[in-house]
Amino acid sequence: MICSKGSTPLTVVALRTKLSTLWKDLRRWGISSLGKGFYELTFSCLEDVKHVKSLSSWNLNLGIMKLFTWTKDFCPSLQNNTSAQVWVRIYGLPQEYWRPRILFAIASSAGTPTCTYFASTKHMIERNFGQFARVLVDMDVIQTLRYKVMVQRKDYAFFVELDYENIPYFCNHYLKVGYHVDKCKFLKPTGT
């Protein structure tokens, strides 16, 4: 599960409660923690597995739960997670373009958009700011960041600027989120 920076990880009980509201129609299913933010899900029938896997990720407001099929000899401590949830600010976008579909299309240049900041999609009458729109994006921190995106419509195009909030540290050597190569305890061991 990928949580927003600074958020407290969910307990198994809390995660089960959140998923139960999303998976009301499922028969019996179970969840167990494997550590390091990984969970094993078990289902009583194949139809339920197909339903859950119909989406590759589930937005739980606190974070994104990405699903993948179990692999032989899976070990959570050996996994290199390069994904993170980051708020992307979009600057220079005229107010008439502040629609969820358009904001998601622009933010998709940085990763997979999951939701917009509630104030970004309010009606113009109700909005009390307009300097930038915000979209939460699930992004691969290995990718090169884009700081300008061209927005096009028929016979007109313009650029908007992107800014990223709280991008987590990333160790390029070990490909781990949450570590910075300058502070990597494996590359630069501290004295005993």
C-alpha atoms as a PDB file:
ATOM      1  CA  MET A   1       0.000   0.000   0.000  1.00  0.00           C
ATOM      2  CA  ILE A   2       1.356   3.420  -0.925  1.00  0.00           C
ATOM      3  CA  CYS A   3       0.492   6.087   1.649  1.00  0.00           C
ATOM      4  CA  SER A   4       0.794   9.827   1.335  1.00  0.00           C
ATOM      5  CA  LYS A   5       3.971  11.262   2.852  1.00  0.00           C
ATOM      6  CA  GLY A   6       3.593  11.766   6.594  1.00  0.00           C
ATOM      7  CA  SER A   7       0.456   9.661   6.964  1.00  0.00           C
ATOM      8  CA  THR A   8       0.219   6.892   9.542  1.00  0.00           C
ATOM      9  CA  PRO A   9      -0.009   3.395   8.027  1.00  0.00           C
ATOM     10  CA  LEU A  10      -3.294   1.573   8.503  1.00  0.00           C
ATOM     11  CA  THR A  11      -3.601  -1.389  10.827  1.00  0.00           C
ATOM     12  CA  VAL A  12      -4.958  -4.603   9.325  1.00  0.00           C
ATOM     13  CA  VAL A  13      -8.266  -4.030  11.143  1.00  0.00           C
ATOM     14  CA  ALA A  14      -8.566  -0.454   9.818  1.00  0.00           C
ATOM     15  CA  LEU A  15      -7.664  -1.552   6.287  1.00  0.00           C
ATOM     16  CA  ARG A  16     -10.212  -4.396   6.442  1.00  0.00           C
ATOM     17  CA  THR A  17     -12.885  -1.901   7.562  1.00  0.00           C
ATOM     18  CA  LYS A  18     -12.082   0.442   4.649  1.00  0.00           C
ATOM     19  CA  LEU A  19     -12.069  -2.387   2.122  1.00  0.00           C
ATOM     20  CA  SER A  20     -15.315  -3.849   3.515  1.00  0.00           C
ATOM     21  CA  THR A  21     -17.168  -0.685   2.488  1.00  0.00           C
ATOM     22  CA  LEU A  22     -15.730  -0.957  -1.043  1.00  0.00           C
ATOM     23  CA  TRP A  23     -16.190  -4.713  -1.339  1.00  0.00           C
ATOM     24  CA  LYS A  24     -19.709  -5.079   0.095  1.00  0.00           C
ATOM     25  CA  ASP A  25     -20.768  -7.552  -2.590  1.00  0.00           C
ATOM     26  CA  LEU A  26     -17.906  -9.987  -2.048  1.00  0.00           C
ATOM     27  CA  ARG A  27     -18.466 -13.269  -0.277  1.00  0.00           C
ATOM     28  CA  ARG A  28     -15.741 -14.222   2.217  1.00  0.00           C
ATOM     29  CA  TRP A  29     -12.275 -12.730   2.034  1.00  0.00           C
ATOM     30  CA  GLY A  30      -9.327 -12.294   4.367  1.00  0.00           C
ATOM     31  CA  ILE A  31      -6.344 -10.026   4.789  1.00  0.00           C
ATOM     32  CA  SER A  32      -3.054 -10.444   6.630  1.00  0.00           C
ATOM     33  CA  SER A  33      -0.085  -8.110   7.009  1.00  0.00           C
ATOM     34  CA  LEU A  34       3.243  -9.218   5.544  1.00  0.00           C
ATOM     35  CA  GLY A  35       5.130  -6.142   6.788  1.00  0.00           C
ATOM     36  CA  LYS A  36       6.706  -3.229   4.890  1.00  0.00           C
ATOM     37  CA  GLY A  37       3.252  -2.094   3.692  1.00  0.00           C
ATOM     38  CA  PHE A  38       2.425  -5.391   1.958  1.00  0.00           C
ATOM     39  CA  TYR A  39      -0.727  -7.416   2.632  1.00  0.00           C
ATOM     40  CA  GLU A  40      -1.920 -10.778   1.418  1.00  0.00           C
ATOM     41  CA  LEU A  41      -5.561 -10.982   0.343  1.00  0.00           C
ATOM     42  CA  THR A  42      -7.398 -14.296   0.103  1.00  0.00           C
ATOM     43  CA  PHE A  43     -10.804 -14.867  -1.463  1.00  0.00           C
ATOM     44  CA  SER A  44     -13.331 -17.679  -1.278  1.00  0.00           C
ATOM     45  CA  CYS A  45     -14.204 -17.671  -4.980  1.00  0.00           C
ATOM     46  CA  LEU A  46     -12.714 -16.791  -8.360  1.00  0.00           C
ATOM     47  CA  GLU A  47     -15.491 -14.276  -9.190  1.00  0.00           C
ATOM     48  CA  ASP A  48     -14.456 -12.152  -6.205  1.00  0.00           C
ATOM     49  CA  VAL A  49     -10.816 -12.229  -7.320  1.00  0.00           C
ATOM     50  CA  LYS A  50     -11.862 -11.059 -10.797  1.00  0.00           C
ATOM     51  CA  HIS A  51     -13.958  -8.250  -9.310  1.00  0.00           C
ATOM     52  CA  VAL A  52     -11.121  -6.988  -7.108  1.00  0.00           C
ATOM     53  CA  LYS A  53      -8.527  -7.308  -9.898  1.00  0.00           C
ATOM     54  CA  SER A  54     -10.750  -5.415 -12.349  1.00  0.00           C
ATOM     55  CA  LEU A  55      -8.994  -2.333 -10.971  1.00  0.00           C
ATOM     56  CA  SER A  56      -5.223  -2.506 -10.610  1.00  0.00           C
ATOM     57  CA  SER A  57      -5.325  -0.069  -7.703  1.00  0.00           C
ATOM     58  CA  TRP A  58      -7.848   1.119  -5.131  1.00  0.00           C
ATOM     59  CA  ASN A  59      -7.896   4.684  -3.768  1.00  0.00           C
ATOM     60  CA  LEU A  60      -8.479   4.508  -0.006  1.00  0.00           C
ATOM     61  CA  ASN A  61      -8.191   8.297   0.562  1.00  0.00           C
ATOM     62  CA  LEU A  62      -5.246   7.704   2.906  1.00  0.00           C
ATOM     63  CA  GLY A  63      -3.300   6.052   0.104  1.00  0.00           C
ATOM     64  CA  ILE A  64      -3.351   3.791  -2.900  1.00  0.00           C
ATOM     65  CA  MET A  65      -3.547   0.037  -2.598  1.00  0.00           C
ATOM     66  CA  LYS A  66      -1.911  -1.527  -5.655  1.00  0.00           C
ATOM     67  CA  LEU A  67      -2.740  -5.128  -6.433  1.00  0.00           C
ATOM     68  CA  PHE A  68      -0.515  -7.749  -7.974  1.00  0.00           C
ATOM     69  CA  THR A  69      -0.695 -11.504  -8.275  1.00  0.00           C
ATOM     70  CA  TRP A  70       1.230 -13.472  -5.679  1.00  0.00           C
ATOM     71  CA  THR A  71       4.664 -14.574  -6.845  1.00  0.00           C
ATOM     72  CA  LYS A  72       6.616 -17.569  -5.619  1.00  0.00           C
ATOM     73  CA  ASP A  73       9.108 -16.799  -2.819  1.00  0.00           C
ATOM     74  CA  PHE A  74       7.723 -13.276  -2.329  1.00  0.00           C
ATOM     75  CA  CYS A  75       9.641 -11.414   0.388  1.00  0.00           C
ATOM     76  CA  PRO A  76       8.508  -7.872   1.372  1.00  0.00           C
ATOM     77  CA  SER A  77      11.982  -6.782   2.490  1.00  0.00           C
ATOM     78  CA  LEU A  78      13.403  -7.497  -0.980  1.00  0.00           C
ATOM     79  CA  GLN A  79      10.835  -5.348  -2.823  1.00  0.00           C
ATOM     80  CA  ASN A  80      11.952  -2.031  -4.294  1.00  0.00           C
ATOM     81  CA  ASN A  81       9.027   0.347  -4.327  1.00  0.00           C
ATOM     82  CA  THR A  82       9.557   3.290  -6.657  1.00  0.00           C
ATOM     83  CA  SER A  83       5.997   4.660  -6.464  1.00  0.00           C
ATOM     84  CA  ALA A  84       4.815   7.557  -4.333  1.00  0.00           C
ATOM     85  CA  GLN A  85       1.727   9.716  -4.047  1.00  0.00           C
ATOM     86  CA  VAL A  86       2.536  13.346  -4.726  1.00  0.00           C
ATOM     87  CA  TRP A  87       0.347  16.425  -5.043  1.00  0.00           C
ATOM     88  CA  VAL A  88       0.958  18.119  -8.393  1.00  0.00           C
ATOM     89  CA  ARG A  89       0.222  21.818  -8.695  1.00  0.00           C
ATOM     90  CA  ILE A  90      -0.843  23.071 -12.115  1.00  0.00           C
ATOM     91  CA  TYR A  91      -0.037  26.758 -12.699  1.00  0.00           C
ATOM     92  CA  GLY A  92      -1.195  28.955 -15.564  1.00  0.00           C
ATOM     93  CA  LEU A  93      -4.399  27.065 -16.309  1.00  0.00           C
ATOM     94  CA  PRO A  94      -7.357  29.329 -17.111  1.00  0.00           C
ATOM     95  CA  GLN A  95     -10.339  28.809 -14.795  1.00  0.00           C
ATOM     96  CA  GLU A  96     -12.607  27.408 -17.503  1.00  0.00           C
ATOM     97  CA  TYR A  97     -10.268  24.383 -17.774  1.00  0.00           C
ATOM     98  CA  TRP A  98     -10.617  23.489 -14.080  1.00  0.00           C
ATOM     99  CA  ARG A  99     -12.700  20.367 -14.676  1.00  0.00           C
ATOM    100  CA  PRO A 100     -11.754  16.934 -13.240  1.00  0.00           C
ATOM    101  CA  ARG A 101     -11.387  15.342 -16.690  1.00  0.00           C
ATOM    102  CA  ILE A 102      -9.060  18.116 -17.904  1.00  0.00           C
ATOM    103  CA  LEU A 103      -7.052  18.237 -14.666  1.00  0.00           C
ATOM    104  CA  PHE A 104      -6.589  14.446 -14.795  1.00  0.00           C
ATOM    105  CA  ALA A 105      -5.475  14.629 -18.435  1.00  0.00           C
ATOM    106  CA  ILE A 106      -2.828  17.239 -17.590  1.00  0.00           C
ATOM    107  CA  ALA A 107      -1.680  15.468 -14.409  1.00  0.00           C
ATOM    108  CA  SER A 108      -1.386  12.149 -16.250  1.00  0.00           C
ATOM    109  CA  SER A 109       1.854  13.486 -17.751  1.00  0.00           C
ATOM    110  CA  ALA A 110       3.348  13.108 -14.239  1.00  0.00           C
ATOM    111  CA  GLY A 111       1.783   9.762 -13.299  1.00  0.00           C
ATOM    112  CA  THR A 112      -1.607   8.213 -12.568  1.00  0.00           C
ATOM    113  CA  PRO A 113      -4.062  10.807 -11.214  1.00  0.00           C
ATOM    114  CA  THR A 114      -6.122   9.549  -8.285  1.00  0.00           C
ATOM    115  CA  CYS A 115      -8.117  12.561  -7.090  1.00  0.00           C
ATOM    116  CA  THR A 116      -8.303  16.347  -7.228  1.00  0.00           C
ATOM    117  CA  TYR A 117      -8.046  18.687  -4.296  1.00  0.00           C
ATOM    118  CA  PHE A 118     -11.650  19.511  -3.351  1.00  0.00           C
ATOM    119  CA  ALA A 119     -11.211  23.261  -3.898  1.00  0.00           C
ATOM    120  CA  SER A 120      -9.791  22.753  -7.401  1.00  0.00           C
ATOM    121  CA  THR A 121     -13.083  21.487  -8.783  1.00  0.00           C
ATOM    122  CA  LYS A 122     -15.471  23.787  -6.952  1.00  0.00           C
ATOM    123  CA  HIS A 123     -17.631  26.053  -9.067  1.00  0.00           C
ATOM    124  CA  MET A 124     -15.902  29.381  -9.815  1.00  0.00           C
ATOM    125  CA  ILE A 125     -18.406  31.227  -7.610  1.00  0.00           C
ATOM    126  CA  GLU A 126     -17.457  29.097  -4.589  1.00  0.00           C
ATOM    127  CA  ARG A 127     -13.675  29.099  -5.158  1.00  0.00           C
ATOM    128  CA  ASN A 128     -11.565  31.445  -3.039  1.00  0.00           C
ATOM    129  CA  PHE A 129      -8.277  30.950  -4.898  1.00  0.00           C
ATOM    130  CA  GLY A 130      -7.210  30.443  -8.485  1.00  0.00           C
ATOM    131  CA  GLN A 131      -3.440  30.552  -8.757  1.00  0.00           C
ATOM    132  CA  PHE A 132      -3.084  26.755  -9.130  1.00  0.00           C
ATOM    133  CA  ALA A 133      -5.097  23.526  -9.251  1.00  0.00           C
ATOM    134  CA  ARG A 134      -3.969  20.419  -7.316  1.00  0.00           C
ATOM    135  CA  VAL A 135      -4.173  16.776  -8.349  1.00  0.00           C
ATOM    136  CA  LEU A 136      -2.938  13.792  -6.343  1.00  0.00           C
ATOM    137  CA  VAL A 137      -0.808  11.589  -8.587  1.00  0.00           C
ATOM    138  CA  ASP A 138       0.628   8.121  -8.081  1.00  0.00           C
ATOM    139  CA  MET A 139       4.006   8.514  -9.738  1.00  0.00           C
ATOM    140  CA  ASP A 140       7.142   6.519 -10.340  1.00  0.00           C
ATOM    141  CA  VAL A 141       9.908   8.580  -8.721  1.00  0.00           C
ATOM    142  CA  ILE A 142      12.495   7.109 -11.125  1.00  0.00           C
ATOM    143  CA  GLN A 143      10.857   8.962 -14.030  1.00  0.00           C
ATOM    144  CA  THR A 144      12.150  12.374 -15.046  1.00  0.00           C
ATOM    145  CA  LEU A 145       9.866  15.108 -13.719  1.00  0.00           C
ATOM    146  CA  ARG A 146       8.009  17.232 -16.241  1.00  0.00           C
ATOM    147  CA  TYR A 147       7.720  20.896 -15.355  1.00  0.00           C
ATOM    148  CA  LYS A 148       5.809  22.098 -18.445  1.00  0.00           C
ATOM    149  CA  VAL A 149       2.905  20.497 -20.267  1.00  0.00           C
ATOM    150  CA  MET A 150       1.217  21.670 -23.448  1.00  0.00           C
ATOM    151  CA  VAL A 151      -2.578  21.926 -23.286  1.00  0.00           C
ATOM    152  CA  GLN A 152      -4.283  21.812 -26.679  1.00  0.00           C
ATOM    153  CA  ARG A 153      -7.725  22.318 -28.028  1.00  0.00           C
ATOM    154  CA  LYS A 154      -8.878  23.041 -31.567  1.00  0.00           C
ATOM    155  CA  ASP A 155      -6.798  25.872 -33.085  1.00  0.00           C
ATOM    156  CA  TYR A 156      -5.234  26.825 -29.718  1.00  0.00           C
ATOM    157  CA  ALA A 157      -2.410  25.574 -27.500  1.00  0.00           C
ATOM    158  CA  PHE A 158      -0.613  26.861 -24.421  1.00  0.00           C
ATOM    159  CA  PHE A 159       1.769  25.629 -21.744  1.00  0.00           C
ATOM    160  CA  VAL A 160       1.050  25.140 -18.066  1.00  0.00           C
ATOM    161  CA  GLU A 161       3.684  24.689 -15.378  1.00  0.00           C
ATOM    162  CA  LEU A 162       3.785  21.784 -12.942  1.00  0.00           C
ATOM    163  CA  ASP A 163       5.183  21.849  -9.430  1.00  0.00           C
ATOM    164  CA  TYR A 164       5.457  18.874  -7.071  1.00  0.00           C
ATOM    165  CA  GLU A 165       4.752  18.907  -3.320  1.00  0.00           C
ATOM    166  CA  ASN A 166       6.768  16.759  -0.904  1.00  0.00           C
ATOM    167  CA  ILE A 167       8.443  14.390  -3.320  1.00  0.00           C
ATOM    168  CA  PRO A 168       9.912  11.673  -1.096  1.00  0.00           C
ATOM    169  CA  TYR A 169      13.626  11.024  -0.969  1.00  0.00           C
ATOM    170  CA  PHE A 170      14.819   8.368  -3.368  1.00  0.00           C
ATOM    171  CA  CYS A 171      18.071   6.392  -3.294  1.00  0.00           C
ATOM    172  CA  ASN A 172      19.218   5.957  -6.913  1.00  0.00           C
ATOM    173  CA  HIS A 173      21.689   3.284  -5.900  1.00  0.00           C
ATOM    174  CA  TYR A 174      19.307   0.902  -4.114  1.00  0.00           C
ATOM    175  CA  LEU A 175      16.138   2.142  -5.855  1.00  0.00           C
ATOM    176  CA  LYS A 176      14.317   2.711  -2.572  1.00  0.00           C
ATOM    177  CA  VAL A 177      11.764   5.376  -1.724  1.00  0.00           C
ATOM    178  CA  GLY A 178      12.366   7.105   1.614  1.00  0.00           C
ATOM    179  CA  TYR A 179      16.144   7.089   1.403  1.00  0.00           C
ATOM    180  CA  HIS A 180      18.462   9.671  -0.091  1.00  0.00           C
ATOM    181  CA  VAL A 181      21.677   8.495  -1.747  1.00  0.00           C
ATOM    182  CA  ASP A 182      23.660  11.087   0.289  1.00  0.00           C
ATOM    183  CA  LYS A 183      22.338   9.598   3.535  1.00  0.00           C
ATOM    184  CA  CYS A 184      22.244   5.954   2.426  1.00  0.00           C
ATOM    185  CA  LYS A 185      23.263   3.849   5.412  1.00  0.00           C
ATOM    186  CA  PHE A 186      24.421   1.046   3.088  1.00  0.00           C
ATOM    187  CA  LEU A 187      26.698   3.170   0.908  1.00  0.00           C
ATOM    188  CA  LYS A 188      28.008   5.358   3.749  1.00  0.00           C
ATOM    189  CA  PRO A 189      27.972   3.233   6.903  1.00  0.00           C
ATOM    190  CA  THR A 190      28.185   5.186  10.131  1.00  0.00           C
ATOM    191  CA  GLY A 191      30.988   4.491  12.599  1.00  0.00           C
ATOM    192  CA  THR A 192      30.522   1.729  15.151  1.00  0.00           C
END
